Amino acid sequence: MKRGPWPQWGRVSPDEQIIGMIKEQAAGLPTSELCRKHGLSPATFYKLKAKYGGMDLSDAKRLKQLEDENAKLKRLLADAMLDNVVLKDLLGKP
């Protein structure tokens, strides 16, 4: 399982934590204090905010689901293209 730039958060999903951090900042918590509290660099926080800003939890979960599906489809396409190249080589076509 690929880990993101955030620390291990136990039972709270990373999506919930990220959305919560963005809401904390929107409520007026300074970014430097927020980053120190959660163990992130400001650059990482702003990167996550750019990706997840304006989303609610269901949107973030759907985004993650679509990203996973996209990665799976890319792997399937790469495998099919490789099979195609092998078959062309076997048939002697350029």
PDB file of N, CA and C in Angstrom:
ATOM      1  N   MET A   1       0.835  -1.180   0.000  1.00  0.00           N
ATOM      2  CA  MET A   1       0.000   0.000   0.000  1.00  0.00           C
ATOM      3  C   MET A   1       0.876   1.239   0.000  1.00  0.00           C
ATOM      4  N   LYS A   2       0.604   2.120  -0.914  1.00  0.00           N
ATOM      5  CA  LYS A   2       1.384   3.347  -1.023  1.00  0.00           C
ATOM      6  C   LYS A   2       0.974   4.321   0.075  1.00  0.00           C
ATOM      7  N   ARG A   3       1.949   4.904   0.726  1.00  0.00           N
ATOM      8  CA  ARG A   3       1.673   5.891   1.760  1.00  0.00           C
ATOM      9  C   ARG A   3       1.855   7.283   1.198  1.00  0.00           C
ATOM     10  N   GLY A   4       1.069   8.191   1.712  1.00  0.00           N
ATOM     11  CA  GLY A   4       1.153   9.577   1.284  1.00  0.00           C
ATOM     12  C   GLY A   4       2.154  10.343   2.124  1.00  0.00           C
ATOM     13  N   PRO A   5       2.179  11.658   1.987  1.00  0.00           N
ATOM     14  CA  PRO A   5       3.145  12.486   2.709  1.00  0.00           C
ATOM     15  C   PRO A   5       2.740  12.755   4.152  1.00  0.00           C
ATOM     16  N   TRP A   6       1.657  12.171   4.627  1.00  0.00           N
ATOM     17  CA  TRP A   6       1.173  12.441   5.968  1.00  0.00           C
ATOM     18  C   TRP A   6       1.619  11.354   6.941  1.00  0.00           C
ATOM     19  N   PRO A   7       1.613  11.657   8.218  1.00  0.00           N
ATOM     20  CA  PRO A   7       1.990  10.662   9.219  1.00  0.00           C
ATOM     21  C   PRO A   7       0.904   9.605   9.389  1.00  0.00           C
ATOM     22  N   GLN A   8       1.224   8.545  10.107  1.00  0.00           N
ATOM     23  CA  GLN A   8       0.253   7.491  10.392  1.00  0.00           C
ATOM     24  C   GLN A   8      -0.816   8.054  11.328  1.00  0.00           C
ATOM     25  N   TRP A   9      -2.081   7.947  10.973  1.00  0.00           N
ATOM     26  CA  TRP A   9      -3.141   8.569  11.750  1.00  0.00           C
ATOM     27  C   TRP A   9      -4.055   7.582  12.437  1.00  0.00           C
ATOM     28  N   GLY A  10      -3.739   6.330  12.444  1.00  0.00           N
ATOM     29  CA  GLY A  10      -4.582   5.367  13.141  1.00  0.00           C
ATOM     30  C   GLY A  10      -5.871   5.094  12.392  1.00  0.00           C
ATOM     31  N   ARG A  11      -6.983   5.208  13.104  1.00  0.00           N
ATOM     32  CA  ARG A  11      -8.276   4.835  12.535  1.00  0.00           C
ATOM     33  C   ARG A  11      -8.884   5.913  11.638  1.00  0.00           C
ATOM     34  N   VAL A  12      -8.413   7.121  11.733  1.00  0.00           N
ATOM     35  CA  VAL A  12      -8.957   8.201  10.900  1.00  0.00           C
ATOM     36  C   VAL A  12      -8.328   8.097   9.516  1.00  0.00           C
ATOM     37  N   SER A  13      -9.176   8.100   8.481  1.00  0.00           N
ATOM     38  CA  SER A  13      -8.642   7.981   7.124  1.00  0.00           C
ATOM     39  C   SER A  13      -7.902   9.259   6.747  1.00  0.00           C
ATOM     40  N   PRO A  14      -6.917   9.142   5.875  1.00  0.00           N
ATOM     41  CA  PRO A  14      -6.193  10.339   5.430  1.00  0.00           C
ATOM     42  C   PRO A  14      -7.126  11.381   4.809  1.00  0.00           C
ATOM     43  N   ASP A  15      -8.144  10.929   4.078  1.00  0.00           N
ATOM     44  CA  ASP A  15      -9.076  11.877   3.474  1.00  0.00           C
ATOM     45  C   ASP A  15      -9.794  12.690   4.546  1.00  0.00           C
ATOM     46  N   GLU A  16     -10.266  12.014   5.597  1.00  0.00           N
ATOM     47  CA  GLU A  16     -10.945  12.714   6.688  1.00  0.00           C
ATOM     48  C   GLU A  16     -10.006  13.713   7.350  1.00  0.00           C
ATOM     49  N   GLN A  17      -8.768  13.290   7.564  1.00  0.00           N
ATOM     50  CA  GLN A  17      -7.798  14.149   8.241  1.00  0.00           C
ATOM     51  C   GLN A  17      -7.473  15.377   7.386  1.00  0.00           C
ATOM     52  N   ILE A  18      -7.281  15.173   6.100  1.00  0.00           N
ATOM     53  CA  ILE A  18      -6.937  16.283   5.205  1.00  0.00           C
ATOM     54  C   ILE A  18      -8.082  17.288   5.146  1.00  0.00           C
ATOM     55  N   ILE A  19      -9.298  16.793   4.969  1.00  0.00           N
ATOM     56  CA  ILE A  19     -10.460  17.687   4.909  1.00  0.00           C
ATOM     57  C   ILE A  19     -10.609  18.423   6.241  1.00  0.00           C
ATOM     58  N   GLY A  20     -10.361  17.726   7.349  1.00  0.00           N
ATOM     59  CA  GLY A  20     -10.424  18.366   8.658  1.00  0.00           C
ATOM     60  C   GLY A  20      -9.390  19.469   8.811  1.00  0.00           C
ATOM     61  N   MET A  21      -8.178  19.228   8.310  1.00  0.00           N
ATOM     62  CA  MET A  21      -7.126  20.247   8.390  1.00  0.00           C
ATOM     63  C   MET A  21      -7.498  21.477   7.567  1.00  0.00           C
ATOM     64  N   ILE A  22      -8.045  21.251   6.390  1.00  0.00           N
ATOM     65  CA  ILE A  22      -8.443  22.378   5.541  1.00  0.00           C
ATOM     66  C   ILE A  22      -9.544  23.192   6.228  1.00  0.00           C
ATOM     67  N   LYS A  23     -10.470  22.495   6.873  1.00  0.00           N
ATOM     68  CA  LYS A  23     -11.539  23.199   7.596  1.00  0.00           C
ATOM     69  C   LYS A  23     -10.988  23.962   8.793  1.00  0.00           C
ATOM     70  N   GLU A  24      -9.984  23.384   9.478  1.00  0.00           N
ATOM     71  CA  GLU A  24      -9.357  24.089  10.604  1.00  0.00           C
ATOM     72  C   GLU A  24      -8.726  25.397  10.128  1.00  0.00           C
ATOM     73  N   GLN A  25      -8.035  25.332   8.984  1.00  0.00           N
ATOM     74  CA  GLN A  25      -7.405  26.541   8.467  1.00  0.00           C
ATOM     75  C   GLN A  25      -8.462  27.563   8.053  1.00  0.00           C
ATOM     76  N   ALA A  26      -9.544  27.088   7.453  1.00  0.00           N
ATOM     77  CA  ALA A  26     -10.616  27.995   7.041  1.00  0.00           C
ATOM     78  C   ALA A  26     -11.278  28.656   8.252  1.00  0.00           C
ATOM     79  N   ALA A  27     -11.247  27.959   9.394  1.00  0.00           N
ATOM     80  CA  ALA A  27     -11.838  28.509  10.619  1.00  0.00           C
ATOM     81  C   ALA A  27     -10.935  29.546  11.274  1.00  0.00           C
ATOM     82  N   GLY A  28      -9.714  29.703  10.772  1.00  0.00           N
ATOM     83  CA  GLY A  28      -8.848  30.761  11.278  1.00  0.00           C
ATOM     84  C   GLY A  28      -7.565  30.309  11.932  1.00  0.00           C
ATOM     85  N   LEU A  29      -7.309  29.007  12.005  1.00  0.00           N
ATOM     86  CA  LEU A  29      -6.052  28.524  12.584  1.00  0.00           C
ATOM     87  C   LEU A  29      -4.907  28.853  11.624  1.00  0.00           C
ATOM     88  N   PRO A  30      -3.859  29.510  12.101  1.00  0.00           N
ATOM     89  CA  PRO A  30      -2.733  29.843  11.215  1.00  0.00           C
ATOM     90  C   PRO A  30      -2.103  28.581  10.610  1.00  0.00           C
ATOM     91  N   THR A  31      -1.697  28.698   9.364  1.00  0.00           N
ATOM     92  CA  THR A  31      -1.137  27.551   8.651  1.00  0.00           C
ATOM     93  C   THR A  31       0.091  26.995   9.351  1.00  0.00           C
ATOM     94  N   SER A  32       0.953  27.855   9.856  1.00  0.00           N
ATOM     95  CA  SER A  32       2.167  27.372  10.522  1.00  0.00           C
ATOM     96  C   SER A  32       1.821  26.535  11.749  1.00  0.00           C
ATOM     97  N   GLU A  33       0.837  26.976  12.529  1.00  0.00           N
ATOM     98  CA  GLU A  33       0.428  26.225  13.717  1.00  0.00           C
ATOM     99  C   GLU A  33      -0.248  24.910  13.323  1.00  0.00           C
ATOM    100  N   LEU A  34      -1.068  24.959  12.301  1.00  0.00           N
ATOM    101  CA  LEU A  34      -1.752  23.765  11.808  1.00  0.00           C
ATOM    102  C   LEU A  34      -0.752  22.716  11.339  1.00  0.00           C
ATOM    103  N   CYS A  35       0.258  23.148  10.592  1.00  0.00           N
ATOM    104  CA  CYS A  35       1.269  22.223  10.082  1.00  0.00           C
ATOM    105  C   CYS A  35       2.092  21.629  11.219  1.00  0.00           C
ATOM    106  N   ARG A  36       2.423  22.436  12.194  1.00  0.00           N
ATOM    107  CA  ARG A  36       3.177  21.949  13.342  1.00  0.00           C
ATOM    108  C   ARG A  36       2.345  20.919  14.120  1.00  0.00           C
ATOM    109  N   LYS A  37       1.067  21.188  14.282  1.00  0.00           N
ATOM    110  CA  LYS A  37       0.153  20.309  15.013  1.00  0.00           C
ATOM    111  C   LYS A  37       0.038  18.938  14.346  1.00  0.00           C
ATOM    112  N   HIS A  38       0.023  18.922  13.014  1.00  0.00           N
ATOM    113  CA  HIS A  38      -0.181  17.673  12.279  1.00  0.00           C
ATOM    114  C   HIS A  38       1.109  17.076  11.721  1.00  0.00           C
ATOM    115  N   GLY A  39       2.228  17.741  11.920  1.00  0.00           N
ATOM    116  CA  GLY A  39       3.507  17.200  11.471  1.00  0.00           C
ATOM    117  C   GLY A  39       3.725  17.275   9.974  1.00  0.00           C
ATOM    118  N   LEU A  40       3.223  18.308   9.346  1.00  0.00           N
ATOM    119  CA  LEU A  40       3.389  18.497   7.903  1.00  0.00           C
ATOM    120  C   LEU A  40       4.178  19.763   7.634  1.00  0.00           C
ATOM    121  N   SER A  41       4.807  19.801   6.481  1.00  0.00           N
ATOM    122  CA  SER A  41       5.426  21.053   6.057  1.00  0.00           C
ATOM    123  C   SER A  41       4.337  21.912   5.418  1.00  0.00           C
ATOM    124  N   PRO A  42       4.512  23.224   5.439  1.00  0.00           N
ATOM    125  CA  PRO A  42       3.517  24.087   4.777  1.00  0.00           C
ATOM    126  C   PRO A  42       3.356  23.760   3.289  1.00  0.00           C
ATOM    127  N   ALA A  43       4.450  23.397   2.631  1.00  0.00           N
ATOM    128  CA  ALA A  43       4.362  23.060   1.202  1.00  0.00           C
ATOM    129  C   ALA A  43       3.456  21.849   0.989  1.00  0.00           C
ATOM    130  N   THR A  44       3.595  20.839   1.844  1.00  0.00           N
ATOM    131  CA  THR A  44       2.749  19.653   1.736  1.00  0.00           C
ATOM    132  C   THR A  44       1.295  20.010   2.000  1.00  0.00           C
ATOM    133  N   PHE A  45       1.069  20.837   3.013  1.00  0.00           N
ATOM    134  CA  PHE A  45      -0.306  21.246   3.317  1.00  0.00           C
ATOM    135  C   PHE A  45      -0.935  21.958   2.120  1.00  0.00           C
ATOM    136  N   TYR A  46      -0.207  22.895   1.518  1.00  0.00           N
ATOM    137  CA  TYR A  46      -0.777  23.641   0.391  1.00  0.00           C
ATOM    138  C   TYR A  46      -0.997  22.735  -0.826  1.00  0.00           C
ATOM    139  N   LYS A  47      -0.143  21.733  -0.988  1.00  0.00           N
ATOM    140  CA  LYS A  47      -0.336  20.772  -2.078  1.00  0.00           C
ATOM    141  C   LYS A  47      -1.627  19.976  -1.851  1.00  0.00           C
ATOM    142  N   LEU A  48      -1.831  19.525  -0.606  1.00  0.00           N
ATOM    143  CA  LEU A  48      -3.053  18.792  -0.279  1.00  0.00           C
ATOM    144  C   LEU A  48      -4.279  19.694  -0.385  1.00  0.00           C
ATOM    145  N   LYS A  49      -4.129  20.945   0.020  1.00  0.00           N
ATOM    146  CA  LYS A  49      -5.242  21.893  -0.051  1.00  0.00           C
ATOM    147  C   LYS A  49      -5.642  22.143  -1.506  1.00  0.00           C
ATOM    148  N   ALA A  50      -4.650  22.225  -2.397  1.00  0.00           N
ATOM    149  CA  ALA A  50      -4.949  22.426  -3.816  1.00  0.00           C
ATOM    150  C   ALA A  50      -5.722  21.238  -4.381  1.00  0.00           C
ATOM    151  N   LYS A  51      -5.401  20.041  -3.891  1.00  0.00           N
ATOM    152  CA  LYS A  51      -6.054  18.839  -4.395  1.00  0.00           C
ATOM    153  C   LYS A  51      -7.435  18.640  -3.769  1.00  0.00           C
ATOM    154  N   TYR A  52      -7.552  18.848  -2.460  1.00  0.00           N
ATOM    155  CA  TYR A  52      -8.779  18.524  -1.735  1.00  0.00           C
ATOM    156  C   TYR A  52      -9.618  19.736  -1.344  1.00  0.00           C
ATOM    157  N   GLY A  53      -9.151  20.939  -1.599  1.00  0.00           N
ATOM    158  CA  GLY A  53      -9.893  22.135  -1.201  1.00  0.00           C
ATOM    159  C   GLY A  53     -11.268  22.194  -1.848  1.00  0.00           C
ATOM    160  N   GLY A  54     -12.278  22.542  -1.078  1.00  0.00           N
ATOM    161  CA  GLY A  54     -13.632  22.642  -1.599  1.00  0.00           C
ATOM    162  C   GLY A  54     -14.373  21.323  -1.687  1.00  0.00           C
ATOM    163  N   MET A  55     -13.748  20.232  -1.253  1.00  0.00           N
ATOM    164  CA  MET A  55     -14.401  18.924  -1.298  1.00  0.00           C
ATOM    165  C   MET A  55     -14.958  18.577   0.072  1.00  0.00           C
ATOM    166  N   ASP A  56     -16.001  17.745   0.056  1.00  0.00           N
ATOM    167  CA  ASP A  56     -16.409  17.140   1.309  1.00  0.00           C
ATOM    168  C   ASP A  56     -15.883  15.705   1.304  1.00  0.00           C
ATOM    169  N   LEU A  57     -16.142  14.961   2.358  1.00  0.00           N
ATOM    170  CA  LEU A  57     -15.549  13.635   2.501  1.00  0.00           C
ATOM    171  C   LEU A  57     -15.973  12.688   1.383  1.00  0.00           C
ATOM    172  N   SER A  58     -17.241  12.731   0.977  1.00  0.00           N
ATOM    173  CA  SER A  58     -17.700  11.826  -0.079  1.00  0.00           C
ATOM    174  C   SER A  58     -17.011  12.141  -1.408  1.00  0.00           C
ATOM    175  N   ASP A  59     -16.759  13.423  -1.681  1.00  0.00           N
ATOM    176  CA  ASP A  59     -16.037  13.800  -2.900  1.00  0.00           C
ATOM    177  C   ASP A  59     -14.609  13.269  -2.868  1.00  0.00           C
ATOM    178  N   ALA A  60     -13.961  13.367  -1.708  1.00  0.00           N
ATOM    179  CA  ALA A  60     -12.582  12.900  -1.578  1.00  0.00           C
ATOM    180  C   ALA A  60     -12.505  11.387  -1.753  1.00  0.00           C
ATOM    181  N   LYS A  61     -13.475  10.670  -1.200  1.00  0.00           N
ATOM    182  CA  LYS A  61     -13.489   9.208  -1.361  1.00  0.00           C
ATOM    183  C   LYS A  61     -13.712   8.834  -2.819  1.00  0.00           C
ATOM    184  N   ARG A  62     -14.589   9.559  -3.492  1.00  0.00           N
ATOM    185  CA  ARG A  62     -14.850   9.294  -4.911  1.00  0.00           C
ATOM    186  C   ARG A  62     -13.605   9.593  -5.749  1.00  0.00           C
ATOM    187  N   LEU A  63     -12.906  10.669  -5.420  1.00  0.00           N
ATOM    188  CA  LEU A  63     -11.662  10.995  -6.114  1.00  0.00           C
ATOM    189  C   LEU A  63     -10.651   9.864  -5.960  1.00  0.00           C
ATOM    190  N   LYS A  64     -10.497   9.355  -4.744  1.00  0.00           N
ATOM    191  CA  LYS A  64      -9.558   8.257  -4.492  1.00  0.00           C
ATOM    192  C   LYS A  64      -9.960   7.018  -5.288  1.00  0.00           C
ATOM    193  N   GLN A  65     -11.267   6.725  -5.320  1.00  0.00           N
ATOM    194  CA  GLN A  65     -11.763   5.576  -6.066  1.00  0.00           C
ATOM    195  C   GLN A  65     -11.461   5.731  -7.562  1.00  0.00           C
ATOM    196  N   LEU A  66     -11.682   6.915  -8.100  1.00  0.00           N
ATOM    197  CA  LEU A  66     -11.408   7.159  -9.518  1.00  0.00           C
ATOM    198  C   LEU A  66      -9.916   7.089  -9.827  1.00  0.00           C
ATOM    199  N   GLU A  67      -9.072   7.592  -8.916  1.00  0.00           N
ATOM    200  CA  GLU A  67      -7.624   7.510  -9.119  1.00  0.00           C
ATOM    201  C   GLU A  67      -7.166   6.056  -9.134  1.00  0.00           C
ATOM    202  N   ASP A  68      -7.715   5.229  -8.234  1.00  0.00           N
ATOM    203  CA  ASP A  68      -7.362   3.808  -8.204  1.00  0.00           C
ATOM    204  C   ASP A  68      -7.812   3.104  -9.480  1.00  0.00           C
ATOM    205  N   GLU A  69      -9.036   3.411  -9.926  1.00  0.00           N
ATOM    206  CA  GLU A  69      -9.545   2.802 -11.148  1.00  0.00           C
ATOM    207  C   GLU A  69      -8.707   3.225 -12.358  1.00  0.00           C
ATOM    208  N   ASN A  70      -8.317   4.486 -12.406  1.00  0.00           N
ATOM    209  CA  ASN A  70      -7.492   4.991 -13.501  1.00  0.00           C
ATOM    210  C   ASN A  70      -6.144   4.278 -13.539  1.00  0.00           C
ATOM    211  N   ALA A  71      -5.525   4.078 -12.376  1.00  0.00           N
ATOM    212  CA  ALA A  71      -4.239   3.380 -12.321  1.00  0.00           C
ATOM    213  C   ALA A  71      -4.384   1.944 -12.822  1.00  0.00           C
ATOM    214  N   LYS A  72      -5.479   1.285 -12.438  1.00  0.00           N
ATOM    215  CA  LYS A  72      -5.719  -0.092 -12.885  1.00  0.00           C
ATOM    216  C   LYS A  72      -5.886  -0.143 -14.404  1.00  0.00           C
ATOM    217  N   LEU A  73      -6.655   0.794 -14.948  1.00  0.00           N
ATOM    218  CA  LEU A  73      -6.871   0.828 -16.395  1.00  0.00           C
ATOM    219  C   LEU A  73      -5.581   1.130 -17.154  1.00  0.00           C
ATOM    220  N   LYS A  74      -4.733   1.986 -16.598  1.00  0.00           N
ATOM    221  CA  LYS A  74      -3.444   2.275 -17.236  1.00  0.00           C
ATOM    222  C   LYS A  74      -2.569   1.030 -17.281  1.00  0.00           C
ATOM    223  N   ARG A  75      -2.579   0.246 -16.190  1.00  0.00           N
ATOM    224  CA  ARG A  75      -1.803  -1.002 -16.182  1.00  0.00           C
ATOM    225  C   ARG A  75      -2.340  -1.981 -17.219  1.00  0.00           C
ATOM    226  N   LEU A  76      -3.675  -2.093 -17.320  1.00  0.00           N
ATOM    227  CA  LEU A  76      -4.277  -2.985 -18.310  1.00  0.00           C
ATOM    228  C   LEU A  76      -3.925  -2.551 -19.731  1.00  0.00           C
ATOM    229  N   LEU A  77      -3.954  -1.255 -19.984  1.00  0.00           N
ATOM    230  CA  LEU A  77      -3.598  -0.742 -21.307  1.00  0.00           C
ATOM    231  C   LEU A  77      -2.135  -1.033 -21.627  1.00  0.00           C
ATOM    232  N   ALA A  78      -1.257  -0.827 -20.667  1.00  0.00           N
ATOM    233  CA  ALA A  78       0.165  -1.094 -20.888  1.00  0.00           C
ATOM    234  C   ALA A  78       0.391  -2.571 -21.197  1.00  0.00           C
ATOM    235  N   ASP A  79      -0.303  -3.457 -20.470  1.00  0.00           N
ATOM    236  CA  ASP A  79      -0.175  -4.894 -20.735  1.00  0.00           C
ATOM    237  C   ASP A  79      -0.679  -5.238 -22.133  1.00  0.00           C
ATOM    238  N   ALA A  80      -1.806  -4.659 -22.536  1.00  0.00           N
ATOM    239  CA  ALA A  80      -2.360  -4.934 -23.859  1.00  0.00           C
ATOM    240  C   ALA A  80      -1.430  -4.420 -24.959  1.00  0.00           C
ATOM    241  N   MET A  81      -0.843  -3.246 -24.745  1.00  0.00           N
ATOM    242  CA  MET A  81       0.081  -2.701 -25.741  1.00  0.00           C
ATOM    243  C   MET A  81       1.329  -3.569 -25.849  1.00  0.00           C
ATOM    244  N   LEU A  82       1.809  -4.071 -24.725  1.00  0.00           N
ATOM    245  CA  LEU A  82       2.978  -4.951 -24.740  1.00  0.00           C
ATOM    246  C   LEU A  82       2.653  -6.247 -25.474  1.00  0.00           C
ATOM    247  N   ASP A  83       1.473  -6.820 -25.218  1.00  0.00           N
ATOM    248  CA  ASP A  83       1.052  -8.025 -25.933  1.00  0.00           C
ATOM    249  C   ASP A  83       0.975  -7.759 -27.432  1.00  0.00           C
ATOM    250  N   ASN A  84       0.490  -6.598 -27.802  1.00  0.00           N
ATOM    251  CA  ASN A  84       0.375  -6.224 -29.206  1.00  0.00           C
ATOM    252  C   ASN A  84       1.752  -6.161 -29.870  1.00  0.00           C
ATOM    253  N   VAL A  85       2.721  -5.582 -29.183  1.00  0.00           N
ATOM    254  CA  VAL A  85       4.079  -5.493 -29.722  1.00  0.00           C
ATOM    255  C   VAL A  85       4.675  -6.887 -29.900  1.00  0.00           C
ATOM    256  N   VAL A  86       4.469  -7.751 -28.914  1.00  0.00           N
ATOM    257  CA  VAL A  86       5.003  -9.117 -28.989  1.00  0.00           C
ATOM    258  C   VAL A  86       4.378  -9.861 -30.163  1.00  0.00           C
ATOM    259  N   LEU A  87       3.073  -9.734 -30.341  1.00  0.00           N
ATOM    260  CA  LEU A  87       2.406 -10.412 -31.454  1.00  0.00           C
ATOM    261  C   LEU A  87       2.883  -9.886 -32.798  1.00  0.00           C
ATOM    262  N   LYS A  88       3.089  -8.589 -32.908  1.00  0.00           N
ATOM    263  CA  LYS A  88       3.607  -8.027 -34.160  1.00  0.00           C
ATOM    264  C   LYS A  88       5.007  -8.550 -34.444  1.00  0.00           C
ATOM    265  N   ASP A  89       5.833  -8.672 -33.412  1.00  0.00           N
ATOM    266  CA  ASP A  89       7.182  -9.209 -33.598  1.00  0.00           C
ATOM    267  C   ASP A  89       7.130 -10.659 -34.056  1.00  0.00           C
ATOM    268  N   LEU A  90       6.208 -11.441 -33.497  1.00  0.00           N
ATOM    269  CA  LEU A  90       6.083 -12.842 -33.888  1.00  0.00           C
ATOM    270  C   LEU A  90       5.615 -12.989 -35.329  1.00  0.00           C
ATOM    271  N   LEU A  91       4.770 -12.079 -35.773  1.00  0.00           N
ATOM    272  CA  LEU A  91       4.273 -12.137 -37.139  1.00  0.00           C
ATOM    273  C   LEU A  91       5.231 -11.495 -38.131  1.00  0.00           C
ATOM    274  N   GLY A  92       6.225 -10.811 -37.637  1.00  0.00           N
ATOM    275  CA  GLY A  92       7.217 -10.193 -38.495  1.00  0.00           C
ATOM    276  C   GLY A  92       6.782  -8.876 -39.099  1.00  0.00           C
ATOM    277  N   LYS A  93       5.768  -8.254 -38.542  1.00  0.00           N
ATOM    278  CA  LYS A  93       5.316  -6.961 -39.051  1.00  0.00           C
ATOM    279  C   LYS A  93       6.040  -5.851 -38.304  1.00  0.00           C
ATOM    280  N   PRO A  94       6.404  -4.783 -39.028  1.00  0.00           N
ATOM    281  CA  PRO A  94       7.094  -3.665 -38.364  1.00  0.00           C
ATOM    282  C   PRO A  94       6.171  -2.820 -37.522  1.00  0.00           C
TER     283      PRO A  94
END
